[in-house]
Amino acid sequence: IARRAHDELLAHRSEEQVSLLVNPQAENGTVKALYE
């Protein structure tokens, strides 16, 4: 569901790229790995 919400947010945007910030320690690094 998180990926679907992410993709839906970006689906109709006019921008060409997306940036985000993540705490590399969140959930022992699994959140950053998910974004990767």
ModelCIF file with pLDDT and N, C-alpha, C, O atoms, coordinates in Angstrom:
data_MODEL
#
_entry.id   MODEL 
#
_entity.id                         1 
_entity.type                       polymer 
_entity.pdbx_number_of_molecules   1 
#
_entity_poly.entity_id                      1 
_entity_poly.type                           'polypeptide(L)' 
_entity_poly.nstd_linkage                   no 
_entity_poly.nstd_monomer                   no 
_entity_poly.pdbx_seq_one_letter_code       IARRAHDELLAHRSEEQVSLLVNPQAENGTVKALYE 
_entity_poly.pdbx_seq_one_letter_code_can   IARRAHDELLAHRSEEQVSLLVNPQAENGTVKALYE 
_entity_poly.pdbx_strand_id                 A 
#
loop_
_entity_poly_seq.entity_id 
_entity_poly_seq.num 
_entity_poly_seq.mon_id 
_entity_poly_seq.hetero 
1 1  ILE n 
1 2  ALA n 
1 3  ARG n 
1 4  ARG n 
1 5  ALA n 
1 6  HIS n 
1 7  ASP n 
1 8  GLU n 
1 9  LEU n 
1 10 LEU n 
1 11 ALA n 
1 12 HIS n 
1 13 ARG n 
1 14 SER n 
1 15 GLU n 
1 16 GLU n 
1 17 GLN n 
1 18 VAL n 
1 19 SER n 
1 20 LEU n 
1 21 LEU n 
1 22 VAL n 
1 23 ASN n 
1 24 PRO n 
1 25 GLN n 
1 26 ALA n 
1 27 GLU n 
1 28 ASN n 
1 29 GLY n 
1 30 THR n 
1 31 VAL n 
1 32 LYS n 
1 33 ALA n 
1 34 LEU n 
1 35 TYR n 
1 36 GLU n 
#
_struct_asym.id          A 
_struct_asym.entity_id   1 
#
loop_
_ma_qa_metric.id 
_ma_qa_metric.mode 
_ma_qa_metric.name 
_ma_qa_metric.software_group_id 
_ma_qa_metric.type 
1 global pLDDT . pLDDT 
2 local  pLDDT . pLDDT 
#
_ma_qa_metric_global.metric_id      1 
_ma_qa_metric_global.metric_value   95.14 
_ma_qa_metric_global.model_id       1 
_ma_qa_metric_global.ordinal_id     1 
#
loop_
_ma_qa_metric_local.label_asym_id 
_ma_qa_metric_local.label_comp_id 
_ma_qa_metric_local.label_seq_id 
_ma_qa_metric_local.metric_id 
_ma_qa_metric_local.metric_value 
_ma_qa_metric_local.model_id 
_ma_qa_metric_local.ordinal_id 
A ILE 1  2 94.00 1 1  
A ALA 2  2 93.00 1 2  
A ARG 3  2 94.00 1 3  
A ARG 4  2 93.00 1 4  
A ALA 5  2 94.00 1 5  
A HIS 6  2 95.00 1 6  
A ASP 7  2 95.00 1 7  
A GLU 8  2 95.00 1 8  
A LEU 9  2 96.00 1 9  
A LEU 10 2 96.00 1 10 
A ALA 11 2 94.00 1 11 
A HIS 12 2 91.00 1 12 
A ARG 13 2 95.00 1 13 
A SER 14 2 95.00 1 14 
A GLU 15 2 97.00 1 15 
A GLU 16 2 97.00 1 16 
A GLN 17 2 97.00 1 17 
A VAL 18 2 98.00 1 18 
A SER 19 2 97.00 1 19 
A LEU 20 2 97.00 1 20 
A LEU 21 2 97.00 1 21 
A VAL 22 2 97.00 1 22 
A ASN 23 2 96.00 1 23 
A PRO 24 2 97.00 1 24 
A GLN 25 2 95.00 1 25 
A ALA 26 2 92.00 1 26 
A GLU 27 2 91.00 1 27 
A ASN 28 2 94.00 1 28 
A GLY 29 2 95.00 1 29 
A THR 30 2 94.00 1 30 
A VAL 31 2 93.00 1 31 
A LYS 32 2 97.00 1 32 
A ALA 33 2 96.00 1 33 
A LEU 34 2 95.00 1 34 
A TYR 35 2 96.00 1 35 
A GLU 36 2 97.00 1 36 
#
loop_
_atom_site.group_PDB 
_atom_site.id 
_atom_site.type_symbol 
_atom_site.label_atom_id 
_atom_site.label_alt_id 
_atom_site.label_comp_id 
_atom_site.label_asym_id 
_atom_site.label_entity_id 
_atom_site.label_seq_id 
_atom_site.pdbx_PDB_ins_code 
_atom_site.Cartn_x 
_atom_site.Cartn_y 
_atom_site.Cartn_z 
_atom_site.occupancy 
_atom_site.B_iso_or_equiv 
_atom_site.pdbx_formal_charge 
_atom_site.auth_seq_id 
_atom_site.auth_comp_id 
_atom_site.auth_asym_id 
_atom_site.auth_atom_id 
_atom_site.pdbx_PDB_model_num 
ATOM 1   N N  . ILE A 1 1  ? 0.828  -1.212 0.000   1.00 94.00 ? 1  ILE A N  1 
ATOM 2   C CA . ILE A 1 1  ? 0.000  0.000  0.000   1.00 94.00 ? 1  ILE A CA 1 
ATOM 3   C C  . ILE A 1 1  ? 0.860  1.258  0.000   1.00 94.00 ? 1  ILE A C  1 
ATOM 4   O O  . ILE A 1 1  ? 0.503  2.238  -0.654  1.00 94.00 ? 1  ILE A O  1 
ATOM 5   N N  . ALA A 1 2  ? 1.972  1.257  0.710   1.00 93.00 ? 2  ALA A N  1 
ATOM 6   C CA . ALA A 1 2  ? 2.843  2.440  0.716   1.00 93.00 ? 2  ALA A CA 1 
ATOM 7   C C  . ALA A 1 2  ? 3.340  2.729  -0.696  1.00 93.00 ? 2  ALA A C  1 
ATOM 8   O O  . ALA A 1 2  ? 3.374  3.887  -1.113  1.00 93.00 ? 2  ALA A O  1 
ATOM 9   N N  . ARG A 1 3  ? 3.720  1.707  -1.425  1.00 94.00 ? 3  ARG A N  1 
ATOM 10  C CA . ARG A 1 3  ? 4.200  1.900  -2.800  1.00 94.00 ? 3  ARG A CA 1 
ATOM 11  C C  . ARG A 1 3  ? 3.080  2.411  -3.692  1.00 94.00 ? 3  ARG A C  1 
ATOM 12  O O  . ARG A 1 3  ? 3.305  3.276  -4.539  1.00 94.00 ? 3  ARG A O  1 
ATOM 13  N N  . ARG A 1 4  ? 1.878  1.886  -3.510  1.00 93.00 ? 4  ARG A N  1 
ATOM 14  C CA . ARG A 1 4  ? 0.751  2.345  -4.320  1.00 93.00 ? 4  ARG A CA 1 
ATOM 15  C C  . ARG A 1 4  ? 0.420  3.801  -4.032  1.00 93.00 ? 4  ARG A C  1 
ATOM 16  O O  . ARG A 1 4  ? 0.112  4.558  -4.953  1.00 93.00 ? 4  ARG A O  1 
ATOM 17  N N  . ALA A 1 5  ? 0.479  4.204  -2.763  1.00 94.00 ? 5  ALA A N  1 
ATOM 18  C CA . ALA A 1 5  ? 0.226  5.610  -2.412  1.00 94.00 ? 5  ALA A CA 1 
ATOM 19  C C  . ALA A 1 5  ? 1.311  6.503  -3.020  1.00 94.00 ? 5  ALA A C  1 
ATOM 20  O O  . ALA A 1 5  ? 1.013  7.558  -3.579  1.00 94.00 ? 5  ALA A O  1 
ATOM 21  N N  . HIS A 1 6  ? 2.544  6.081  -2.910  1.00 95.00 ? 6  HIS A N  1 
ATOM 22  C CA . HIS A 1 6  ? 3.679  6.796  -3.507  1.00 95.00 ? 6  HIS A CA 1 
ATOM 23  C C  . HIS A 1 6  ? 3.473  6.963  -5.006  1.00 95.00 ? 6  HIS A C  1 
ATOM 24  O O  . HIS A 1 6  ? 3.589  8.070  -5.531  1.00 95.00 ? 6  HIS A O  1 
ATOM 25  N N  . ASP A 1 7  ? 3.169  5.869  -5.695  1.00 95.00 ? 7  ASP A N  1 
ATOM 26  C CA . ASP A 1 7  ? 3.006  5.904  -7.145  1.00 95.00 ? 7  ASP A CA 1 
ATOM 27  C C  . ASP A 1 7  ? 1.803  6.744  -7.559  1.00 95.00 ? 7  ASP A C  1 
ATOM 28  O O  . ASP A 1 7  ? 1.847  7.440  -8.573  1.00 95.00 ? 7  ASP A O  1 
ATOM 29  N N  . GLU A 1 8  ? 0.738  6.680  -6.781  1.00 95.00 ? 8  GLU A N  1 
ATOM 30  C CA . GLU A 1 8  ? -0.451 7.486  -7.083  1.00 95.00 ? 8  GLU A CA 1 
ATOM 31  C C  . GLU A 1 8  ? -0.141 8.975  -6.922  1.00 95.00 ? 8  GLU A C  1 
ATOM 32  O O  . GLU A 1 8  ? -0.594 9.796  -7.720  1.00 95.00 ? 8  GLU A O  1 
ATOM 33  N N  . LEU A 1 9  ? 0.618  9.315  -5.910  1.00 96.00 ? 9  LEU A N  1 
ATOM 34  C CA . LEU A 1 9  ? 0.997  10.715 -5.719  1.00 96.00 ? 9  LEU A CA 1 
ATOM 35  C C  . LEU A 1 9  ? 1.785  11.226 -6.928  1.00 96.00 ? 9  LEU A C  1 
ATOM 36  O O  . LEU A 1 9  ? 1.605  12.372 -7.342  1.00 96.00 ? 9  LEU A O  1 
ATOM 37  N N  . LEU A 1 10 ? 2.643  10.398 -7.489  1.00 96.00 ? 10 LEU A N  1 
ATOM 38  C CA . LEU A 1 10 ? 3.492  10.819 -8.602  1.00 96.00 ? 10 LEU A CA 1 
ATOM 39  C C  . LEU A 1 10 ? 2.845  10.662 -9.971  1.00 96.00 ? 10 LEU A C  1 
ATOM 40  O O  . LEU A 1 10 ? 3.317  11.250 -10.944 1.00 96.00 ? 10 LEU A O  1 
ATOM 41  N N  . ALA A 1 11 ? 1.778  9.885  -10.064 1.00 94.00 ? 11 ALA A N  1 
ATOM 42  C CA . ALA A 1 11 ? 1.205  9.491  -11.361 1.00 94.00 ? 11 ALA A CA 1 
ATOM 43  C C  . ALA A 1 11 ? 0.823  10.660 -12.263 1.00 94.00 ? 11 ALA A C  1 
ATOM 44  O O  . ALA A 1 11 ? 0.976  10.565 -13.480 1.00 94.00 ? 11 ALA A O  1 
ATOM 45  N N  . HIS A 1 12 ? 0.343  11.729 -11.711 1.00 91.00 ? 12 HIS A N  1 
ATOM 46  C CA . HIS A 1 12 ? -0.162 12.827 -12.540 1.00 91.00 ? 12 HIS A CA 1 
ATOM 47  C C  . HIS A 1 12 ? 0.646  14.113 -12.368 1.00 91.00 ? 12 HIS A C  1 
ATOM 48  O O  . HIS A 1 12 ? 0.217  15.185 -12.797 1.00 91.00 ? 12 HIS A O  1 
ATOM 49  N N  . ARG A 1 13 ? 1.808  14.002 -11.744 1.00 95.00 ? 13 ARG A N  1 
ATOM 50  C CA . ARG A 1 13 ? 2.664  15.165 -11.548 1.00 95.00 ? 13 ARG A CA 1 
ATOM 51  C C  . ARG A 1 13 ? 3.349  15.525 -12.864 1.00 95.00 ? 13 ARG A C  1 
ATOM 52  O O  . ARG A 1 13 ? 3.581  14.660 -13.708 1.00 95.00 ? 13 ARG A O  1 
ATOM 53  N N  . SER A 1 14 ? 3.665  16.798 -13.029 1.00 95.00 ? 14 SER A N  1 
ATOM 54  C CA . SER A 1 14 ? 4.356  17.234 -14.245 1.00 95.00 ? 14 SER A CA 1 
ATOM 55  C C  . SER A 1 14 ? 5.880  17.168 -14.099 1.00 95.00 ? 14 SER A C  1 
ATOM 56  O O  . SER A 1 14 ? 6.597  17.243 -15.096 1.00 95.00 ? 14 SER A O  1 
ATOM 57  N N  . GLU A 1 15 ? 6.378  17.030 -12.869 1.00 97.00 ? 15 GLU A N  1 
ATOM 58  C CA . GLU A 1 15 ? 7.821  16.994 -12.652 1.00 97.00 ? 15 GLU A CA 1 
ATOM 59  C C  . GLU A 1 15 ? 8.438  15.725 -13.258 1.00 97.00 ? 15 GLU A C  1 
ATOM 60  O O  . GLU A 1 15 ? 7.752  14.729 -13.486 1.00 97.00 ? 15 GLU A O  1 
ATOM 61  N N  . GLU A 1 16 ? 9.730  15.788 -13.506 1.00 97.00 ? 16 GLU A N  1 
ATOM 62  C CA . GLU A 1 16 ? 10.443 14.675 -14.124 1.00 97.00 ? 16 GLU A CA 1 
ATOM 63  C C  . GLU A 1 16 ? 11.182 13.795 -13.131 1.00 97.00 ? 16 GLU A C  1 
ATOM 64  O O  . GLU A 1 16 ? 11.552 12.666 -13.453 1.00 97.00 ? 16 GLU A O  1 
ATOM 65  N N  . GLN A 1 17 ? 11.400 14.313 -11.912 1.00 97.00 ? 17 GLN A N  1 
ATOM 66  C CA . GLN A 1 17 ? 12.094 13.509 -10.901 1.00 97.00 ? 17 GLN A CA 1 
ATOM 67  C C  . GLN A 1 17 ? 11.501 13.791 -9.528  1.00 97.00 ? 17 GLN A C  1 
ATOM 68  O O  . GLN A 1 17 ? 10.797 14.779 -9.318  1.00 97.00 ? 17 GLN A O  1 
ATOM 69  N N  . VAL A 1 18 ? 11.811 12.887 -8.598  1.00 98.00 ? 18 VAL A N  1 
ATOM 70  C CA . VAL A 1 18 ? 11.311 12.996 -7.233  1.00 98.00 ? 18 VAL A CA 1 
ATOM 71  C C  . VAL A 1 18 ? 12.478 12.816 -6.271  1.00 98.00 ? 18 VAL A C  1 
ATOM 72  O O  . VAL A 1 18 ? 13.352 11.972 -6.471  1.00 98.00 ? 18 VAL A O  1 
ATOM 73  N N  . SER A 1 19 ? 12.466 13.630 -5.226  1.00 97.00 ? 19 SER A N  1 
ATOM 74  C CA . SER A 1 19 ? 13.490 13.560 -4.195  1.00 97.00 ? 19 SER A CA 1 
ATOM 75  C C  . SER A 1 19 ? 12.817 13.335 -2.850  1.00 97.00 ? 19 SER A C  1 
ATOM 76  O O  . SER A 1 19 ? 11.670 13.730 -2.644  1.00 97.00 ? 19 SER A O  1 
ATOM 77  N N  . LEU A 1 20 ? 13.536 12.701 -1.945  1.00 97.00 ? 20 LEU A N  1 
ATOM 78  C CA . LEU A 1 20 ? 13.026 12.506 -0.588  1.00 97.00 ? 20 LEU A CA 1 
ATOM 79  C C  . LEU A 1 20 ? 14.192 12.468 0.379   1.00 97.00 ? 20 LEU A C  1 
ATOM 80  O O  . LEU A 1 20 ? 15.348 12.327 -0.019  1.00 97.00 ? 20 LEU A O  1 
ATOM 81  N N  . LEU A 1 21 ? 13.868 12.597 1.652   1.00 97.00 ? 21 LEU A N  1 
ATOM 82  C CA . LEU A 1 21 ? 14.839 12.467 2.727   1.00 97.00 ? 21 LEU A CA 1 
ATOM 83  C C  . LEU A 1 21 ? 14.432 11.276 3.578   1.00 97.00 ? 21 LEU A C  1 
ATOM 84  O O  . LEU A 1 21 ? 13.246 11.053 3.824   1.00 97.00 ? 21 LEU A O  1 
ATOM 85  N N  . VAL A 1 22 ? 15.409 10.521 4.022   1.00 97.00 ? 22 VAL A N  1 
ATOM 86  C CA . VAL A 1 22 ? 15.123 9.378  4.875   1.00 97.00 ? 22 VAL A CA 1 
ATOM 87  C C  . VAL A 1 22 ? 16.192 9.289  5.960   1.00 97.00 ? 22 VAL A C  1 
ATOM 88  O O  . VAL A 1 22 ? 17.372 9.545  5.720   1.00 97.00 ? 22 VAL A O  1 
ATOM 89  N N  . ASN A 1 23 ? 15.753 8.926  7.141   1.00 96.00 ? 23 ASN A N  1 
ATOM 90  C CA . ASN A 1 23 ? 16.695 8.666  8.218   1.00 96.00 ? 23 ASN A CA 1 
ATOM 91  C C  . ASN A 1 23 ? 17.325 7.303  7.925   1.00 96.00 ? 23 ASN A C  1 
ATOM 92  O O  . ASN A 1 23 ? 16.620 6.294  7.942   1.00 96.00 ? 23 ASN A O  1 
ATOM 93  N N  . PRO A 1 24 ? 18.623 7.245  7.660   1.00 97.00 ? 24 PRO A N  1 
ATOM 94  C CA . PRO A 1 24 ? 19.227 5.970  7.287   1.00 97.00 ? 24 PRO A CA 1 
ATOM 95  C C  . PRO A 1 24 ? 19.185 4.933  8.409   1.00 97.00 ? 24 PRO A C  1 
ATOM 96  O O  . PRO A 1 24 ? 19.413 3.748  8.168   1.00 97.00 ? 24 PRO A O  1 
ATOM 97  N N  . GLN A 1 25 ? 18.893 5.375  9.630   1.00 95.00 ? 25 GLN A N  1 
ATOM 98  C CA . GLN A 1 25 ? 18.803 4.450  10.763  1.00 95.00 ? 25 GLN A CA 1 
ATOM 99  C C  . GLN A 1 25 ? 17.381 3.939  10.998  1.00 95.00 ? 25 GLN A C  1 
ATOM 100 O O  . GLN A 1 25 ? 17.188 3.021  11.794  1.00 95.00 ? 25 GLN A O  1 
ATOM 101 N N  . ALA A 1 26 ? 16.397 4.507  10.330  1.00 92.00 ? 26 ALA A N  1 
ATOM 102 C CA . ALA A 1 26 ? 14.992 4.124  10.557  1.00 92.00 ? 26 ALA A CA 1 
ATOM 103 C C  . ALA A 1 26 ? 14.793 2.636  10.288  1.00 92.00 ? 26 ALA A C  1 
ATOM 104 O O  . ALA A 1 26 ? 15.176 2.113  9.241   1.00 92.00 ? 26 ALA A O  1 
ATOM 105 N N  . GLU A 1 27 ? 14.193 1.985  11.250  1.00 91.00 ? 27 GLU A N  1 
ATOM 106 C CA . GLU A 1 27 ? 13.917 0.545  11.144  1.00 91.00 ? 27 GLU A CA 1 
ATOM 107 C C  . GLU A 1 27 ? 15.180 -0.228 10.753  1.00 91.00 ? 27 GLU A C  1 
ATOM 108 O O  . GLU A 1 27 ? 15.143 -1.132 9.918   1.00 91.00 ? 27 GLU A O  1 
ATOM 109 N N  . ASN A 1 28 ? 16.292 0.150  11.376  1.00 94.00 ? 28 ASN A N  1 
ATOM 110 C CA . ASN A 1 28 ? 17.581 -0.512 11.122  1.00 94.00 ? 28 ASN A CA 1 
ATOM 111 C C  . ASN A 1 28 ? 17.981 -0.483 9.653   1.00 94.00 ? 28 ASN A C  1 
ATOM 112 O O  . ASN A 1 28 ? 18.576 -1.438 9.153   1.00 94.00 ? 28 ASN A O  1 
ATOM 113 N N  . GLY A 1 29 ? 17.657 0.606  8.957   1.00 95.00 ? 29 GLY A N  1 
ATOM 114 C CA . GLY A 1 29 ? 18.049 0.768  7.566   1.00 95.00 ? 29 GLY A CA 1 
ATOM 115 C C  . GLY A 1 29 ? 17.086 0.196  6.549   1.00 95.00 ? 29 GLY A C  1 
ATOM 116 O O  . GLY A 1 29 ? 17.308 0.341  5.347   1.00 95.00 ? 29 GLY A O  1 
ATOM 117 N N  . THR A 1 30 ? 16.014 -0.457 7.000   1.00 94.00 ? 30 THR A N  1 
ATOM 118 C CA . THR A 1 30 ? 15.106 -1.083 6.037   1.00 94.00 ? 30 THR A CA 1 
ATOM 119 C C  . THR A 1 30 ? 14.281 -0.063 5.255   1.00 94.00 ? 30 THR A C  1 
ATOM 120 O O  . THR A 1 30 ? 13.887 -0.341 4.123   1.00 94.00 ? 30 THR A O  1 
ATOM 121 N N  . VAL A 1 31 ? 14.010 1.111  5.832   1.00 93.00 ? 31 VAL A N  1 
ATOM 122 C CA . VAL A 1 31 ? 13.238 2.129  5.111   1.00 93.00 ? 31 VAL A CA 1 
ATOM 123 C C  . VAL A 1 31 ? 14.069 2.654  3.934   1.00 93.00 ? 31 VAL A C  1 
ATOM 124 O O  . VAL A 1 31 ? 13.558 2.792  2.822   1.00 93.00 ? 31 VAL A O  1 
ATOM 125 N N  . LYS A 1 32 ? 15.336 2.942  4.182   1.00 97.00 ? 32 LYS A N  1 
ATOM 126 C CA . LYS A 1 32 ? 16.219 3.394  3.100   1.00 97.00 ? 32 LYS A CA 1 
ATOM 127 C C  . LYS A 1 32 ? 16.343 2.297  2.037   1.00 97.00 ? 32 LYS A C  1 
ATOM 128 O O  . LYS A 1 32 ? 16.298 2.585  0.842   1.00 97.00 ? 32 LYS A O  1 
ATOM 129 N N  . ALA A 1 33 ? 16.495 1.069  2.460   1.00 96.00 ? 33 ALA A N  1 
ATOM 130 C CA . ALA A 1 33 ? 16.595 -0.052 1.510   1.00 96.00 ? 33 ALA A CA 1 
ATOM 131 C C  . ALA A 1 33 ? 15.319 -0.195 0.684   1.00 96.00 ? 33 ALA A C  1 
ATOM 132 O O  . ALA A 1 33 ? 15.374 -0.543 -0.495  1.00 96.00 ? 33 ALA A O  1 
ATOM 133 N N  . LEU A 1 34 ? 14.176 0.075  1.303   1.00 95.00 ? 34 LEU A N  1 
ATOM 134 C CA . LEU A 1 34 ? 12.908 0.024  0.563   1.00 95.00 ? 34 LEU A CA 1 
ATOM 135 C C  . LEU A 1 34 ? 12.923 1.066  -0.551  1.00 95.00 ? 34 LEU A C  1 
ATOM 136 O O  . LEU A 1 34 ? 12.589 0.757  -1.695  1.00 95.00 ? 34 LEU A O  1 
ATOM 137 N N  . TYR A 1 35 ? 13.311 2.305  -0.221  1.00 96.00 ? 35 TYR A N  1 
ATOM 138 C CA . TYR A 1 35 ? 13.366 3.345  -1.247  1.00 96.00 ? 35 TYR A CA 1 
ATOM 139 C C  . TYR A 1 35 ? 14.369 2.987  -2.340  1.00 96.00 ? 35 TYR A C  1 
ATOM 140 O O  . TYR A 1 35 ? 14.125 3.265  -3.514  1.00 96.00 ? 35 TYR A O  1 
ATOM 141 N N  . GLU A 1 36 ? 15.481 2.380  -1.974  1.00 97.00 ? 36 GLU A N  1 
ATOM 142 C CA . GLU A 1 36 ? 16.444 1.936  -2.987  1.00 97.00 ? 36 GLU A CA 1 
ATOM 143 C C  . GLU A 1 36 ? 15.805 0.902  -3.911  1.00 97.00 ? 36 GLU A C  1 
ATOM 144 O O  . GLU A 1 36 ? 16.458 0.407  -4.830  1.00 97.00 ? 36 GLU A O  1 
#
